Amino acid sequence: MSSHVKRSPDSDLALDDLRALYRDVDQAYAGTSCEATTECCRFGLTGREPYVTAVEMALVRRAVARRGSRARGAGPRPLHETMRELPVISDERACPLLSAEGRCSIYDDRPFGCRTFFCERKSSYAEVKHRELLAFVSRLKQIAQSHTPGGEQGRAFSRALAEIGLSSGGESATSRKKMNKSRGHTSKSSR
């Protein structure tokens, strides 16, 4: 018996469809650029984060596996060290896929929400009609349905990353639990 995990042809087709959607989204937003401040990748700073579906996370898992430890960098420097006009935020909750250089380590495979997540600092933007954005969302829902029969509504990206052993801020969920335990903190589930 082979030790290889056999991939579902349906799953691979869904991932191919997802990549095609991402190409179309990238083309539609090609005129958008930002200052690459990484603010939108710091969920604690913005108070917002993208939601992802299981099919998007399948692509993220493959990208992380392909990049290995390079996808799980030391994490970026806190923004208050690089941008003096911002207040100090003690829990920026930086995406664990953000490199020390402030770049997405899985940029080509980043989720839909990361591709369409805008901040006020954008320096130029493509005008994408609301109807076109809704069509992209509809396609994503159809792809998610084909990947996960019964469909799903998605979940917060940080929660989905924690489920695969990555947590916001660059530390693993296990190391965060150990640190809290050593400080005398306990979670509700352990009380």
C-alpha atoms as a PDB file:
ATOM      1  CA  MET A   1       0.000   0.000   0.000  1.00  0.00           C
ATOM      2  CA  SER A   2       1.295   3.463  -0.885  1.00  0.00           C
ATOM      3  CA  SER A   3       2.115   6.007   1.794  1.00  0.00           C
ATOM      4  CA  HIS A   4       0.969   8.820  -0.505  1.00  0.00           C
ATOM      5  CA  VAL A   5      -2.195  10.661   0.348  1.00  0.00           C
ATOM      6  CA  LYS A   6      -4.409  10.433  -2.694  1.00  0.00           C
ATOM      7  CA  ARG A   7      -5.910  13.771  -3.625  1.00  0.00           C
ATOM      8  CA  SER A   8      -9.515  13.913  -4.620  1.00  0.00           C
ATOM      9  CA  PRO A   9      -9.931  14.828  -8.298  1.00  0.00           C
ATOM     10  CA  ASP A  10     -12.898  16.989  -7.246  1.00  0.00           C
ATOM     11  CA  SER A  11     -10.700  18.816  -4.742  1.00  0.00           C
ATOM     12  CA  ASP A  12      -8.016  19.438  -7.356  1.00  0.00           C
ATOM     13  CA  LEU A  13     -10.663  20.749  -9.767  1.00  0.00           C
ATOM     14  CA  ALA A  14     -11.978  23.077  -7.066  1.00  0.00           C
ATOM     15  CA  LEU A  15      -8.435  24.362  -6.449  1.00  0.00           C
ATOM     16  CA  ASP A  16      -7.958  24.910 -10.190  1.00  0.00           C
ATOM     17  CA  ASP A  17     -11.247  26.848 -10.265  1.00  0.00           C
ATOM     18  CA  LEU A  18     -10.115  28.855  -7.235  1.00  0.00           C
ATOM     19  CA  ARG A  19      -6.808  29.751  -8.911  1.00  0.00           C
ATOM     20  CA  ALA A  20      -8.736  30.871 -12.025  1.00  0.00           C
ATOM     21  CA  LEU A  21     -10.959  33.059  -9.829  1.00  0.00           C
ATOM     22  CA  TYR A  22      -7.891  34.545  -8.144  1.00  0.00           C
ATOM     23  CA  ARG A  23      -6.394  35.381 -11.558  1.00  0.00           C
ATOM     24  CA  ASP A  24      -9.616  37.162 -12.548  1.00  0.00           C
ATOM     25  CA  VAL A  25      -9.767  39.060  -9.236  1.00  0.00           C
ATOM     26  CA  ASP A  26      -6.117  40.085  -9.547  1.00  0.00           C
ATOM     27  CA  GLN A  27      -6.751  41.302 -13.087  1.00  0.00           C
ATOM     28  CA  ALA A  28      -9.817  43.304 -11.998  1.00  0.00           C
ATOM     29  CA  TYR A  29      -7.842  44.928  -9.169  1.00  0.00           C
ATOM     30  CA  ALA A  30      -4.627  45.359 -11.176  1.00  0.00           C
ATOM     31  CA  GLY A  31      -4.805  49.148 -10.901  1.00  0.00           C
ATOM     32  CA  THR A  32      -4.912  49.042  -7.102  1.00  0.00           C
ATOM     33  CA  SER A  33      -1.737  49.640  -5.181  1.00  0.00           C
ATOM     34  CA  CYS A  34      -0.904  50.433  -1.612  1.00  0.00           C
ATOM     35  CA  GLU A  35       2.073  51.602   0.403  1.00  0.00           C
ATOM     36  CA  ALA A  36       2.608  48.048   1.725  1.00  0.00           C
ATOM     37  CA  THR A  37       2.313  49.160   5.343  1.00  0.00           C
ATOM     38  CA  THR A  38       0.981  45.679   6.284  1.00  0.00           C
ATOM     39  CA  GLU A  39      -1.744  47.284   8.397  1.00  0.00           C
ATOM     40  CA  CYS A  40      -4.402  45.067   6.821  1.00  0.00           C
ATOM     41  CA  CYS A  41      -2.303  42.024   7.857  1.00  0.00           C
ATOM     42  CA  ARG A  42      -2.424  43.085  11.517  1.00  0.00           C
ATOM     43  CA  PHE A  43      -5.885  42.031  12.611  1.00  0.00           C
ATOM     44  CA  GLY A  44      -5.607  43.486  16.119  1.00  0.00           C
ATOM     45  CA  LEU A  45      -4.679  46.871  14.680  1.00  0.00           C
ATOM     46  CA  THR A  46      -7.545  47.117  12.205  1.00  0.00           C
ATOM     47  CA  GLY A  47     -10.129  45.171  14.171  1.00  0.00           C
ATOM     48  CA  ARG A  48     -10.974  43.390  10.908  1.00  0.00           C
ATOM     49  CA  GLU A  49      -9.766  40.318   9.120  1.00  0.00           C
ATOM     50  CA  PRO A  50     -10.724  38.338   6.062  1.00  0.00           C
ATOM     51  CA  TYR A  51     -12.938  35.275   6.273  1.00  0.00           C
ATOM     52  CA  VAL A  52     -11.888  32.146   4.405  1.00  0.00           C
ATOM     53  CA  THR A  53     -13.564  28.996   3.158  1.00  0.00           C
ATOM     54  CA  ALA A  54     -12.266  25.428   3.400  1.00  0.00           C
ATOM     55  CA  VAL A  55     -11.187  25.422  -0.259  1.00  0.00           C
ATOM     56  CA  GLU A  56      -9.155  28.594   0.296  1.00  0.00           C
ATOM     57  CA  MET A  57      -7.527  27.009   3.337  1.00  0.00           C
ATOM     58  CA  ALA A  58      -6.708  23.904   1.273  1.00  0.00           C
ATOM     59  CA  LEU A  59      -4.698  26.168  -1.041  1.00  0.00           C
ATOM     60  CA  VAL A  60      -3.107  27.964   1.940  1.00  0.00           C
ATOM     61  CA  ARG A  61      -2.107  24.605   3.501  1.00  0.00           C
ATOM     62  CA  ARG A  62      -0.469  23.531   0.238  1.00  0.00           C
ATOM     63  CA  ALA A  63       1.381  26.846  -0.023  1.00  0.00           C
ATOM     64  CA  VAL A  64       2.611  26.596   3.579  1.00  0.00           C
ATOM     65  CA  ALA A  65       3.729  22.988   3.015  1.00  0.00           C
ATOM     66  CA  ARG A  66       5.522  23.990  -0.197  1.00  0.00           C
ATOM     67  CA  ARG A  67       7.357  26.876   1.484  1.00  0.00           C
ATOM     68  CA  GLY A  68       8.032  25.017   4.714  1.00  0.00           C
ATOM     69  CA  SER A  69       9.630  27.102   7.439  1.00  0.00           C
ATOM     70  CA  ARG A  70       9.916  30.064   5.042  1.00  0.00           C
ATOM     71  CA  ALA A  71       6.125  30.452   5.304  1.00  0.00           C
ATOM     72  CA  ARG A  72       6.382  30.635   9.085  1.00  0.00           C
ATOM     73  CA  GLY A  73       8.810  33.466   9.459  1.00  0.00           C
ATOM     74  CA  ALA A  74       9.842  35.239  12.615  1.00  0.00           C
ATOM     75  CA  GLY A  75       7.062  37.694  11.904  1.00  0.00           C
ATOM     76  CA  PRO A  76       7.282  41.375  11.094  1.00  0.00           C
ATOM     77  CA  ARG A  77       8.585  44.063  13.415  1.00  0.00           C
ATOM     78  CA  PRO A  78       5.772  45.756  15.334  1.00  0.00           C
ATOM     79  CA  LEU A  79       4.414  48.726  13.419  1.00  0.00           C
ATOM     80  CA  HIS A  80       5.254  51.156  16.209  1.00  0.00           C
ATOM     81  CA  GLU A  81       8.932  50.427  15.492  1.00  0.00           C
ATOM     82  CA  THR A  82       8.570  51.373  11.839  1.00  0.00           C
ATOM     83  CA  MET A  83       5.830  54.004  11.776  1.00  0.00           C
ATOM     84  CA  ARG A  84       6.026  56.726  14.390  1.00  0.00           C
ATOM     85  CA  GLU A  85       2.611  58.262  13.690  1.00  0.00           C
ATOM     86  CA  LEU A  86       0.740  55.166  14.887  1.00  0.00           C
ATOM     87  CA  PRO A  87      -0.067  54.514  18.541  1.00  0.00           C
ATOM     88  CA  VAL A  88       1.562  51.518  20.190  1.00  0.00           C
ATOM     89  CA  ILE A  89      -0.698  48.488  19.956  1.00  0.00           C
ATOM     90  CA  SER A  90       0.279  45.738  22.358  1.00  0.00           C
ATOM     91  CA  ASP A  91      -1.507  42.981  20.441  1.00  0.00           C
ATOM     92  CA  GLU A  92      -1.267  43.697  16.726  1.00  0.00           C
ATOM     93  CA  ARG A  93      -2.173  40.068  15.951  1.00  0.00           C
ATOM     94  CA  ALA A  94      -0.020  40.081  12.828  1.00  0.00           C
ATOM     95  CA  CYS A  95      -0.838  37.365  10.331  1.00  0.00           C
ATOM     96  CA  PRO A  96       1.648  34.526  10.942  1.00  0.00           C
ATOM     97  CA  LEU A  97       2.248  34.341   7.190  1.00  0.00           C
ATOM     98  CA  LEU A  98       3.701  37.861   7.192  1.00  0.00           C
ATOM     99  CA  SER A  99       7.493  37.684   6.915  1.00  0.00           C
ATOM    100  CA  ALA A 100      10.014  39.672   8.954  1.00  0.00           C
ATOM    101  CA  GLU A 101      10.394  41.853   5.851  1.00  0.00           C
ATOM    102  CA  GLY A 102       6.669  42.640   5.924  1.00  0.00           C
ATOM    103  CA  ARG A 103       5.720  40.525   2.910  1.00  0.00           C
ATOM    104  CA  CYS A 104       3.129  37.778   2.582  1.00  0.00           C
ATOM    105  CA  SER A 105       5.010  34.482   2.448  1.00  0.00           C
ATOM    106  CA  ILE A 106       2.228  32.867   0.385  1.00  0.00           C
ATOM    107  CA  TYR A 107       1.332  35.918  -1.713  1.00  0.00           C
ATOM    108  CA  ASP A 108       0.411  33.994  -4.888  1.00  0.00           C
ATOM    109  CA  ASP A 109      -1.944  31.749  -2.894  1.00  0.00           C
ATOM    110  CA  ARG A 110      -3.355  34.351  -0.472  1.00  0.00           C
ATOM    111  CA  PRO A 111      -7.118  34.132   0.130  1.00  0.00           C
ATOM    112  CA  PHE A 112      -9.802  36.109  -1.693  1.00  0.00           C
ATOM    113  CA  GLY A 113     -10.303  38.446   1.274  1.00  0.00           C
ATOM    114  CA  CYS A 114      -6.613  39.375   1.270  1.00  0.00           C
ATOM    115  CA  ARG A 115      -6.844  40.202  -2.428  1.00  0.00           C
ATOM    116  CA  THR A 116      -9.831  42.511  -1.973  1.00  0.00           C
ATOM    117  CA  PHE A 117      -9.119  43.883   1.522  1.00  0.00           C
ATOM    118  CA  PHE A 118      -8.597  47.611   1.255  1.00  0.00           C
ATOM    119  CA  CYS A 119      -7.217  50.095   3.712  1.00  0.00           C
ATOM    120  CA  GLU A 120      -7.375  53.860   3.722  1.00  0.00           C
ATOM    121  CA  ARG A 121      -3.691  54.112   2.756  1.00  0.00           C
ATOM    122  CA  LYS A 122      -4.066  52.814  -0.798  1.00  0.00           C
ATOM    123  CA  SER A 123      -2.240  55.081  -3.197  1.00  0.00           C
ATOM    124  CA  SER A 124      -4.253  54.137  -6.273  1.00  0.00           C
ATOM    125  CA  TYR A 125      -7.133  51.849  -6.945  1.00  0.00           C
ATOM    126  CA  ALA A 126      -8.980  50.180  -9.755  1.00  0.00           C
ATOM    127  CA  GLU A 127     -12.650  50.923  -9.924  1.00  0.00           C
ATOM    128  CA  VAL A 128     -14.299  47.558  -9.525  1.00  0.00           C
ATOM    129  CA  LYS A 129     -18.039  47.756  -9.783  1.00  0.00           C
ATOM    130  CA  HIS A 130     -20.020  46.415  -6.833  1.00  0.00           C
ATOM    131  CA  ARG A 131     -21.803  44.039  -9.217  1.00  0.00           C
ATOM    132  CA  GLU A 132     -18.444  42.642 -10.389  1.00  0.00           C
ATOM    133  CA  LEU A 133     -17.302  42.099  -6.799  1.00  0.00           C
ATOM    134  CA  LEU A 134     -20.576  40.293  -6.024  1.00  0.00           C
ATOM    135  CA  ALA A 135     -20.022  38.068  -9.074  1.00  0.00           C
ATOM    136  CA  PHE A 136     -16.568  37.150  -7.714  1.00  0.00           C
ATOM    137  CA  VAL A 137     -18.091  36.355  -4.311  1.00  0.00           C
ATOM    138  CA  SER A 138     -20.753  34.216  -5.991  1.00  0.00           C
ATOM    139  CA  ARG A 139     -18.068  32.272  -7.885  1.00  0.00           C
ATOM    140  CA  LEU A 140     -16.147  31.748  -4.651  1.00  0.00           C
ATOM    141  CA  LYS A 141     -19.290  30.377  -2.981  1.00  0.00           C
ATOM    142  CA  GLN A 142     -19.851  27.970  -5.896  1.00  0.00           C
ATOM    143  CA  ILE A 143     -16.237  26.767  -5.720  1.00  0.00           C
ATOM    144  CA  ALA A 144     -16.487  26.355  -1.942  1.00  0.00           C
ATOM    145  CA  GLN A 145     -19.709  24.353  -2.430  1.00  0.00           C
ATOM    146  CA  SER A 146     -18.003  22.035  -4.931  1.00  0.00           C
ATOM    147  CA  HIS A 147     -15.114  21.500  -2.501  1.00  0.00           C
ATOM    148  CA  THR A 148     -17.208  21.094   0.653  1.00  0.00           C
ATOM    149  CA  PRO A 149     -20.615  19.569  -0.115  1.00  0.00           C
ATOM    150  CA  GLY A 150     -23.230  21.414   1.879  1.00  0.00           C
ATOM    151  CA  GLY A 151     -21.127  24.528   1.611  1.00  0.00           C
ATOM    152  CA  GLU A 152     -19.955  26.770   4.371  1.00  0.00           C
ATOM    153  CA  GLN A 153     -19.959  30.442   5.246  1.00  0.00           C
ATOM    154  CA  GLY A 154     -16.272  30.692   6.013  1.00  0.00           C
ATOM    155  CA  ARG A 155     -14.446  31.583   9.202  1.00  0.00           C
ATOM    156  CA  ALA A 156     -11.985  34.184  10.418  1.00  0.00           C
ATOM    157  CA  PHE A 157      -8.577  33.723   8.792  1.00  0.00           C
ATOM    158  CA  SER A 158      -6.745  33.786  12.136  1.00  0.00           C
ATOM    159  CA  ARG A 159      -8.994  31.006  13.454  1.00  0.00           C
ATOM    160  CA  ALA A 160      -8.468  28.922  10.312  1.00  0.00           C
ATOM    161  CA  LEU A 161      -4.689  29.451  10.585  1.00  0.00           C
ATOM    162  CA  ALA A 162      -4.740  28.434  14.259  1.00  0.00           C
ATOM    163  CA  GLU A 163      -6.470  25.202  13.209  1.00  0.00           C
ATOM    164  CA  ILE A 164      -3.387  24.334  11.126  1.00  0.00           C
ATOM    165  CA  GLY A 165      -0.975  25.305  13.893  1.00  0.00           C
ATOM    166  CA  LEU A 166      -0.343  28.960  13.035  1.00  0.00           C
ATOM    167  CA  SER A 167      -1.620  31.791  15.166  1.00  0.00           C
ATOM    168  CA  SER A 168      -1.666  35.555  14.773  1.00  0.00           C
ATOM    169  CA  GLY A 169       1.447  37.206  16.071  1.00  0.00           C
ATOM    170  CA  GLY A 170       3.673  34.459  14.655  1.00  0.00           C
ATOM    171  CA  GLU A 171       3.560  32.132  17.630  1.00  0.00           C
ATOM    172  CA  SER A 172       1.912  28.740  17.615  1.00  0.00           C
ATOM    173  CA  ALA A 173      -1.253  28.143  19.599  1.00  0.00           C
ATOM    174  CA  THR A 174       0.675  25.602  21.673  1.00  0.00           C
ATOM    175  CA  SER A 175       3.417  28.076  22.618  1.00  0.00           C
ATOM    176  CA  ARG A 176       0.788  30.693  23.534  1.00  0.00           C
ATOM    177  CA  LYS A 177      -0.944  28.173  25.849  1.00  0.00           C
ATOM    178  CA  LYS A 178       2.395  27.287  27.476  1.00  0.00           C
ATOM    179  CA  MET A 179       3.229  30.969  27.983  1.00  0.00           C
ATOM    180  CA  ASN A 180      -0.182  31.674  29.527  1.00  0.00           C
ATOM    181  CA  LYS A 181       0.133  28.624  31.776  1.00  0.00           C
ATOM    182  CA  SER A 182       3.572  29.751  32.992  1.00  0.00           C
ATOM    183  CA  ARG A 183       2.083  33.175  33.800  1.00  0.00           C
ATOM    184  CA  GLY A 184      -0.708  31.547  35.793  1.00  0.00           C
ATOM    185  CA  HIS A 185      -3.426  32.221  33.194  1.00  0.00           C
ATOM    186  CA  THR A 186      -5.865  29.485  32.357  1.00  0.00           C
ATOM    187  CA  SER A 187      -8.404  29.216  29.612  1.00  0.00           C
ATOM    188  CA  LYS A 188     -12.096  28.796  30.324  1.00  0.00           C
ATOM    189  CA  SER A 189     -11.908  25.209  29.113  1.00  0.00           C
ATOM    190  CA  SER A 190      -9.244  24.319  31.695  1.00  0.00           C
ATOM    191  CA  ARG A 191     -11.011  25.881  34.701  1.00  0.00           C
END
